[in-house]
Protein backbone atom coordinates (compact mmCIF):
# COMPACT_ATOMS: atom_id res chain seq x y z
CA MET A 1 115.57 26.08 16.94
CA ASN A 2 114.66 23.56 19.34
CA PRO A 3 118.09 21.80 20.36
CA ALA A 4 116.49 18.62 21.71
CA THR A 5 115.19 17.80 18.08
CA VAL A 6 118.55 18.19 16.21
CA THR A 7 119.97 15.16 14.67
CA LEU A 8 123.06 14.57 12.20
CA THR A 9 122.30 11.69 9.59
CA GLY A 10 124.97 9.91 7.68
CA PRO A 11 124.77 8.34 4.23
CA ALA A 12 123.66 4.86 5.70
CA GLY A 13 120.72 6.67 7.60
CA SER A 14 122.37 6.13 11.06
CA THR A 15 122.06 9.24 13.33
CA ALA A 16 124.32 10.91 15.78
CA ALA A 17 122.44 12.42 18.68
CA ARG A 18 123.44 15.80 19.62
CA ALA A 19 125.77 15.89 22.58
CA LYS A 20 125.29 19.42 23.91
CA THR A 21 124.51 22.88 22.99
CA ALA A 22 125.98 26.53 23.92
CA ARG A 23 124.58 29.93 23.39
CA PRO A 24 127.47 32.39 23.08
CA ASP A 25 127.51 35.57 20.81
CA VAL A 26 129.86 34.13 18.21
CA ASN A 27 129.55 36.99 15.58
CA ARG A 28 129.40 39.65 18.16
CA ASP A 29 126.15 41.13 16.92
CA GLY A 30 124.65 41.33 20.49
CA LEU A 31 122.50 38.28 20.05
CA ARG A 32 123.32 34.99 21.45
CA ASP A 33 124.01 32.23 18.74
CA LEU A 34 122.99 28.59 19.11
CA LEU A 35 125.78 26.11 18.56
CA VAL A 36 125.05 22.33 18.52
CA PHE A 37 127.93 20.01 19.21
CA PHE A 38 128.02 16.19 18.23
CA ARG A 39 130.40 13.68 19.77
CA ALA A 40 133.03 12.64 17.30
CA GLY A 41 132.59 8.95 17.93
CA ARG A 42 128.87 9.19 17.16
CA VAL A 43 129.44 11.19 14.10
CA ALA A 44 132.03 8.48 13.06
CA THR A 45 129.39 5.83 13.49
CA ALA A 46 126.81 7.88 11.49
CA VAL A 47 129.15 8.19 8.46
CA GLY A 48 130.32 4.74 8.46
CA CYS A 49 133.98 5.18 9.72
CA PRO A 50 136.60 4.19 9.39
CA LEU A 51 137.04 6.04 6.17
CA PRO A 52 140.34 6.67 4.30
CA ALA A 53 142.13 9.99 4.68
CA ARG A 54 141.05 12.50 2.05
CA SER A 55 137.72 10.90 1.46
CA SER A 56 134.42 12.91 1.72
CA VAL A 57 130.91 11.97 2.96
CA SER A 58 127.47 13.69 2.77
CA VAL A 59 125.67 14.40 6.02
CA ALA A 60 122.25 15.96 6.73
CA ILE A 61 121.19 17.90 9.80
CA SER A 62 117.42 18.29 10.67
CA GLY A 63 115.14 19.37 13.57
CA GLU A 64 112.44 21.56 14.61
CA THR A 65 112.06 25.26 15.22
CA VAL A 66 110.55 26.46 18.62
CA PRO A 67 107.25 27.08 16.90
CA GLY A 68 107.27 23.52 15.59
CA GLY A 69 108.26 23.86 11.96
CA ALA A 70 110.89 21.63 10.42
CA PHE A 71 114.26 22.49 9.13
CA GLU A 72 116.94 20.51 7.29
CA GLY A 73 120.32 21.19 5.62
CA ALA A 74 123.14 19.18 4.14
CA ASP A 75 126.84 19.45 3.62
CA THR A 76 129.90 17.33 3.02
CA LEU A 77 132.49 16.27 5.55
CA VAL A 78 136.01 15.66 4.51
CA VAL A 79 138.19 13.12 6.42
CA VAL A 80 141.63 14.85 6.97
CA GLY A 81 143.27 11.91 8.90
CA HIS A 82 142.99 9.59 11.87
CA PRO A 83 144.83 9.91 15.11
CA GLU A 84 146.59 6.72 14.54
CA GLN A 85 148.00 7.81 11.26
C-alpha cells in the first residue's frame, strides 16, 4: 500500500487526510505491518461532527497499492461520547 494515497471519506464526501504511518510488527508474525493514523479533528470534520453519543456513521477508506492498483473498504464508526460530556 502506498501510504501517501490513503484517504478516509465521510458520508458527506469530505475527506480526512492521513496524519502519519507506522510500520511495527503488530501481530508478531515477523513481518512489519502498515498502520495509518488519522487526526481525530479531521475525522470529525469528514463525518460531520458534532454527532450525538451512541450514533453511528459510515466511512470509506481508499488508496493505491505500491504497484499502482486501487483498493477501498468501508466500515461504521460509533460515537461513544464527547470530551465535554
